[in-house]
PDB file of N, CA and C in Angstrom:
ATOM      1  N   MET A   1      -4.569   7.137   0.470  1.00  0.00           N
ATOM      2  CA  MET A   1      -3.341   6.835   0.998  1.00  0.00           C
ATOM      3  C   MET A   1      -2.094   7.283  -0.017  1.00  0.00           C
ATOM      4  N   HIS A   2      -1.300   8.109   0.487  1.00  0.00           N
ATOM      5  CA  HIS A   2      -0.093   8.254  -0.191  1.00  0.00           C
ATOM      6  C   HIS A   2       0.810   6.960  -0.249  1.00  0.00           C
ATOM      7  N   PRO A   3       1.412   6.699  -1.458  1.00  0.00           N
ATOM      8  CA  PRO A   3       2.363   5.420  -1.520  1.00  0.00           C
ATOM      9  C   PRO A   3       3.687   5.639  -0.827  1.00  0.00           C
ATOM     10  N   THR A   4       3.623   6.001   0.314  1.00  0.00           N
ATOM     11  CA  THR A   4       4.936   5.882   1.289  1.00  0.00           C
ATOM     12  C   THR A   4       4.671   5.090   2.472  1.00  0.00           C
ATOM     13  N   PRO A   5       5.889   4.594   2.983  1.00  0.00           N
ATOM     14  CA  PRO A   5       5.873   3.724   4.107  1.00  0.00           C
ATOM     15  C   PRO A   5       5.306   4.334   5.343  1.00  0.00           C
ATOM     16  N   GLY A   6       5.402   5.737   5.619  1.00  0.00           N
ATOM     17  CA  GLY A   6       4.679   6.195   6.613  1.00  0.00           C
ATOM     18  C   GLY A   6       3.206   6.293   6.623  1.00  0.00           C
ATOM     19  N   CYS A   7       2.855   6.513   5.501  1.00  0.00           N
ATOM     20  CA  CYS A   7       1.155   6.432   5.304  1.00  0.00           C
ATOM     21  C   CYS A   7       0.727   5.018   5.421  1.00  0.00           C
ATOM     22  N   LEU A   8       1.488   4.206   5.020  1.00  0.00           N
ATOM     23  CA  LEU A   8       1.221   2.734   5.064  1.00  0.00           C
ATOM     24  C   LEU A   8       1.091   2.226   6.568  1.00  0.00           C
ATOM     25  N   ARG A   9       2.114   2.624   7.379  1.00  0.00           N
ATOM     26  CA  ARG A   9       2.117   2.361   8.789  1.00  0.00           C
ATOM     27  C   ARG A   9       0.990   2.916   9.420  1.00  0.00           C
ATOM     28  N   ALA A  10       0.549   4.266   9.043  1.00  0.00           N
ATOM     29  CA  ALA A  10      -0.621   4.841   9.763  1.00  0.00           C
ATOM     30  C   ALA A  10      -1.942   4.131   9.340  1.00  0.00           C
ATOM     31  N   ALA A  11      -2.083   3.782   8.128  1.00  0.00           N
ATOM     32  CA  ALA A  11      -3.214   2.960   7.552  1.00  0.00           C
ATOM     33  C   ALA A  11      -3.364   1.619   8.212  1.00  0.00           C
ATOM     34  N   ASP A  12      -2.266   0.847   8.528  1.00  0.00           N
ATOM     35  CA  ASP A  12      -2.081  -0.395   9.355  1.00  0.00           C
ATOM     36  C   ASP A  12      -2.658  -0.036  10.852  1.00  0.00           C
ATOM     37  N   ARG A  13      -2.114   0.956  11.324  1.00  0.00           N
ATOM     38  CA  ARG A  13      -2.470   1.429  12.870  1.00  0.00           C
ATOM     39  C   ARG A  13      -3.901   1.616  12.932  1.00  0.00           C
ATOM     40  N   ARG A  14      -4.538   2.331  11.883  1.00  0.00           N
ATOM     41  CA  ARG A  14      -5.958   2.633  11.939  1.00  0.00           C
ATOM     42  C   ARG A  14      -6.883   1.436  11.580  1.00  0.00           C
ATOM     43  N   ARG A  15      -6.289   0.371  11.164  1.00  0.00           N
ATOM     44  CA  ARG A  15      -6.972  -0.806  10.490  1.00  0.00           C
ATOM     45  C   ARG A  15      -7.808  -0.338   9.227  1.00  0.00           C
ATOM     46  N   ALA A  16      -7.249   0.556   8.550  1.00  0.00           N
ATOM     47  CA  ALA A  16      -8.040   1.070   7.334  1.00  0.00           C
ATOM     48  C   ALA A  16      -8.107   0.157   6.373  1.00  0.00           C
ATOM     49  N   PHE A  17      -7.344  -0.904   6.122  1.00  0.00           N
ATOM     50  CA  PHE A  17      -7.347  -1.910   5.021  1.00  0.00           C
ATOM     51  C   PHE A  17      -8.340  -2.752   5.337  1.00  0.00           C
ATOM     52  N   THR A  18      -8.689  -3.285   6.547  1.00  0.00           N
ATOM     53  CA  THR A  18      -9.690  -4.233   6.743  1.00  0.00           C
ATOM     54  C   THR A  18     -11.072  -3.582   6.688  1.00  0.00           C
ATOM     55  N   ARG A  19     -11.193  -2.208   6.700  1.00  0.00           N
ATOM     56  CA  ARG A  19     -12.414  -1.603   6.536  1.00  0.00           C
ATOM     57  C   ARG A  19     -12.659  -1.220   5.077  1.00  0.00           C
ATOM     58  N   ALA A  20     -11.700  -0.859   4.258  1.00  0.00           N
ATOM     59  CA  ALA A  20     -11.711  -0.342   3.025  1.00  0.00           C
ATOM     60  C   ALA A  20     -11.575  -1.451   1.850  1.00  0.00           C
ATOM     61  N   LEU A  21     -10.769  -2.491   2.075  1.00  0.00           N
ATOM     62  CA  LEU A  21     -10.596  -3.585   1.083  1.00  0.00           C
ATOM     63  C   LEU A  21     -11.491  -4.696   1.512  1.00  0.00           C
ATOM     64  N   ARG A  22     -12.671  -4.762   0.973  1.00  0.00           N
ATOM     65  CA  ARG A  22     -13.491  -5.965   1.275  1.00  0.00           C
ATOM     66  C   ARG A  22     -14.044  -6.503  -0.093  1.00  0.00           C
ATOM     67  N   LEU A  23     -14.204  -7.795  -0.131  1.00  0.00           N
ATOM     68  CA  LEU A  23     -14.779  -8.452  -1.168  1.00  0.00           C
ATOM     69  C   LEU A  23     -16.343  -8.689  -1.012  1.00  0.00           C
ATOM     70  N   PRO A  24     -17.040  -8.833  -2.141  1.00  0.00           N
ATOM     71  CA  PRO A  24     -18.543  -8.962  -2.002  1.00  0.00           C
ATOM     72  C   PRO A  24     -18.804 -10.008  -0.869  1.00  0.00           C
ATOM     73  N   GLY A  25     -19.715  -9.672  -0.012  1.00  0.00           N
ATOM     74  CA  GLY A  25     -19.921 -10.729   1.171  1.00  0.00           C
ATOM     75  C   GLY A  25     -19.357 -10.347   2.376  1.00  0.00           C
ATOM     76  N   GLY A  26     -18.571  -9.214   2.388  1.00  0.00           N
ATOM     77  CA  GLY A  26     -18.014  -8.574   3.548  1.00  0.00           C
ATOM     78  C   GLY A  26     -16.571  -9.205   3.872  1.00  0.00           C
ATOM     79  N   SER A  27     -16.082 -10.256   3.259  1.00  0.00           N
ATOM     80  CA  SER A  27     -14.697 -10.758   3.519  1.00  0.00           C
ATOM     81  C   SER A  27     -13.671  -9.787   3.269  1.00  0.00           C
ATOM     82  N   PRO A  28     -12.624  -9.633   4.136  1.00  0.00           N
ATOM     83  CA  PRO A  28     -11.446  -8.701   4.021  1.00  0.00           C
ATOM     84  C   PRO A  28     -10.538  -9.076   2.752  1.00  0.00           C
ATOM     85  N   LEU A  29     -10.001  -8.123   2.163  1.00  0.00           N
ATOM     86  CA  LEU A  29      -9.183  -8.468   1.122  1.00  0.00           C
ATOM     87  C   LEU A  29      -7.638  -8.435   1.678  1.00  0.00           C
ATOM     88  N   GLU A  30      -6.744  -9.338   1.277  1.00  0.00           N
ATOM     89  CA  GLU A  30      -5.327  -9.259   1.881  1.00  0.00           C
ATOM     90  C   GLU A  30      -4.587  -7.971   1.280  1.00  0.00           C
ATOM     91  N   ALA A  31      -4.057  -7.292   2.173  1.00  0.00           N
ATOM     92  CA  ALA A  31      -3.301  -6.054   1.783  1.00  0.00           C
ATOM     93  C   ALA A  31      -1.873  -6.418   1.560  1.00  0.00           C
ATOM     94  N   GLY A  32      -1.445  -7.552   1.495  1.00  0.00           N
ATOM     95  CA  GLY A  32       0.097  -7.942   1.265  1.00  0.00           C
ATOM     96  C   GLY A  32       0.636  -7.345  -0.099  1.00  0.00           C
ATOM     97  N   PRO A  33      -0.035  -7.557  -1.174  1.00  0.00           N
ATOM     98  CA  PRO A  33       0.131  -7.042  -2.604  1.00  0.00           C
ATOM     99  C   PRO A  33       0.358  -5.588  -2.364  1.00  0.00           C
ATOM    100  N   LEU A  34      -0.462  -4.859  -1.738  1.00  0.00           N
ATOM    101  CA  LEU A  34      -0.425  -3.332  -1.642  1.00  0.00           C
ATOM    102  C   LEU A  34       0.891  -2.926  -0.821  1.00  0.00           C
ATOM    103  N   ARG A  35       1.149  -3.662   0.330  1.00  0.00           N
ATOM    104  CA  ARG A  35       2.242  -3.391   1.122  1.00  0.00           C
ATOM    105  C   ARG A  35       3.557  -3.546   0.227  1.00  0.00           C
ATOM    106  N   ASP A  36       3.560  -4.746  -0.449  1.00  0.00           N
ATOM    107  CA  ASP A  36       4.719  -4.963  -1.368  1.00  0.00           C
ATOM    108  C   ASP A  36       4.954  -3.834  -2.399  1.00  0.00           C
ATOM    109  N   HIS A  37       3.838  -3.348  -2.878  1.00  0.00           N
ATOM    110  CA  HIS A  37       3.984  -2.296  -3.941  1.00  0.00           C
ATOM    111  C   HIS A  37       4.516  -1.031  -3.341  1.00  0.00           C
ATOM    112  N   VAL A  38       4.027  -0.686  -2.187  1.00  0.00           N
ATOM    113  CA  VAL A  38       4.417   0.661  -1.581  1.00  0.00           C
ATOM    114  C   VAL A  38       5.755   0.551  -1.229  1.00  0.00           C
ATOM    115  N   LEU A  39       6.227  -0.538  -0.543  1.00  0.00           N
ATOM    116  CA  LEU A  39       7.485  -0.558  -0.003  1.00  0.00           C
ATOM    117  C   LEU A  39       8.517  -0.750  -1.129  1.00  0.00           C
ATOM    118  N   GLY A  40       8.233  -1.468  -2.293  1.00  0.00           N
ATOM    119  CA  GLY A  40       9.059  -1.555  -3.303  1.00  0.00           C
ATOM    120  C   GLY A  40       9.216  -0.172  -4.118  1.00  0.00           C
ATOM    121  N   SER A  41       7.988   0.437  -4.348  1.00  0.00           N
ATOM    122  CA  SER A  41       8.145   1.770  -5.095  1.00  0.00           C
ATOM    123  C   SER A  41       8.910   2.855  -4.220  1.00  0.00           C
ATOM    124  N   SER A  42       8.853   2.647  -2.781  1.00  0.00           N
ATOM    125  CA  SER A  42       9.599   3.527  -2.035  1.00  0.00           C
ATOM    126  C   SER A  42      10.992   3.410  -2.190  1.00  0.00           C
ATOM    127  N   SER A  43      11.654   2.055  -2.236  1.00  0.00           N
ATOM    128  CA  SER A  43      12.923   1.970  -2.381  1.00  0.00           C
ATOM    129  C   SER A  43      13.450   2.247  -3.662  1.00  0.00           C
ATOM    130  N   GLU A  44      12.753   2.284  -4.751  1.00  0.00           N
ATOM    131  CA  GLU A  44      12.958   2.772  -6.103  1.00  0.00           C
ATOM    132  C   GLU A  44      13.107   4.243  -6.100  1.00  0.00           C
ATOM    133  N   GLU A  45      12.129   4.946  -5.518  1.00  0.00           N
ATOM    134  CA  GLU A  45      12.133   6.417  -5.484  1.00  0.00           C
ATOM    135  C   GLU A  45      13.466   6.779  -4.709  1.00  0.00           C
ATOM    136  N   ALA A  46      13.724   6.157  -3.634  1.00  0.00           N
ATOM    137  CA  ALA A  46      15.087   6.480  -2.834  1.00  0.00           C
ATOM    138  C   ALA A  46      16.207   6.309  -3.551  1.00  0.00           C
ATOM    139  N   GLY A  47      16.256   5.304  -4.489  1.00  0.00           N
ATOM    140  CA  GLY A  47      17.454   5.200  -5.306  1.00  0.00           C
ATOM    141  C   GLY A  47      17.561   6.052  -6.444  1.00  0.00           C
ATOM    142  N   GLY A  48      16.544   6.936  -6.671  1.00  0.00           N
ATOM    143  CA  GLY A  48      16.695   7.847  -7.777  1.00  0.00           C
ATOM    144  C   GLY A  48      16.180   7.439  -9.117  1.00  0.00           C
ATOM    145  N   GLU A  49      15.556   6.310  -9.229  1.00  0.00           N
ATOM    146  CA  GLU A  49      15.101   5.673 -10.361  1.00  0.00           C
ATOM    147  C   GLU A  49      13.749   6.513 -10.767  1.00  0.00           C
ATOM    148  N   ALA A  50      13.699   6.926 -11.956  1.00  0.00           N
ATOM    149  CA  ALA A  50      12.454   7.582 -12.389  1.00  0.00           C
ATOM    150  C   ALA A  50      11.363   6.630 -13.008  1.00  0.00           C
ATOM    151  N   ARG A  51      10.086   6.873 -12.619  1.00  0.00           N
ATOM    152  CA  ARG A  51       9.070   6.033 -13.150  1.00  0.00           C
ATOM    153  C   ARG A  51       8.593   6.521 -14.411  1.00  0.00           C
ATOM    154  N   THR A  52       8.559   5.744 -15.461  1.00  0.00           N
ATOM    155  CA  THR A  52       8.068   6.201 -16.863  1.00  0.00           C
ATOM    156  C   THR A  52       6.772   5.843 -17.182  1.00  0.00           C
ATOM    157  N   GLY A  53       6.060   5.203 -16.372  1.00  0.00           N
ATOM    158  CA  GLY A  53       4.530   5.032 -16.691  1.00  0.00           C
ATOM    159  C   GLY A  53       4.322   3.944 -17.693  1.00  0.00           C
ATOM    160  N   GLY A  54       5.176   3.164 -18.068  1.00  0.00           N
ATOM    161  CA  GLY A  54       4.983   1.937 -18.790  1.00  0.00           C
ATOM    162  C   GLY A  54       5.629   1.908 -19.992  1.00  0.00           C
TER     163      GLY A  54
END
C-alpha cells in the first residue's frame, strides 16, 4: 500500500487490513495507528515539509 489517503480508502473498501494484519491465533490487528500515520504524513507532505529520516 502506498502511504496516501486514496490507497488507504481502497484498502479499507477491500477489507485488506483485516486479512493482512493478524495476530497469532487469527485475531485481527487494529489499523487505527496505520490510518493515523498515513493521514498525518499526507498532510505533512501537502504542507511541503521534507522528511529527513530521523
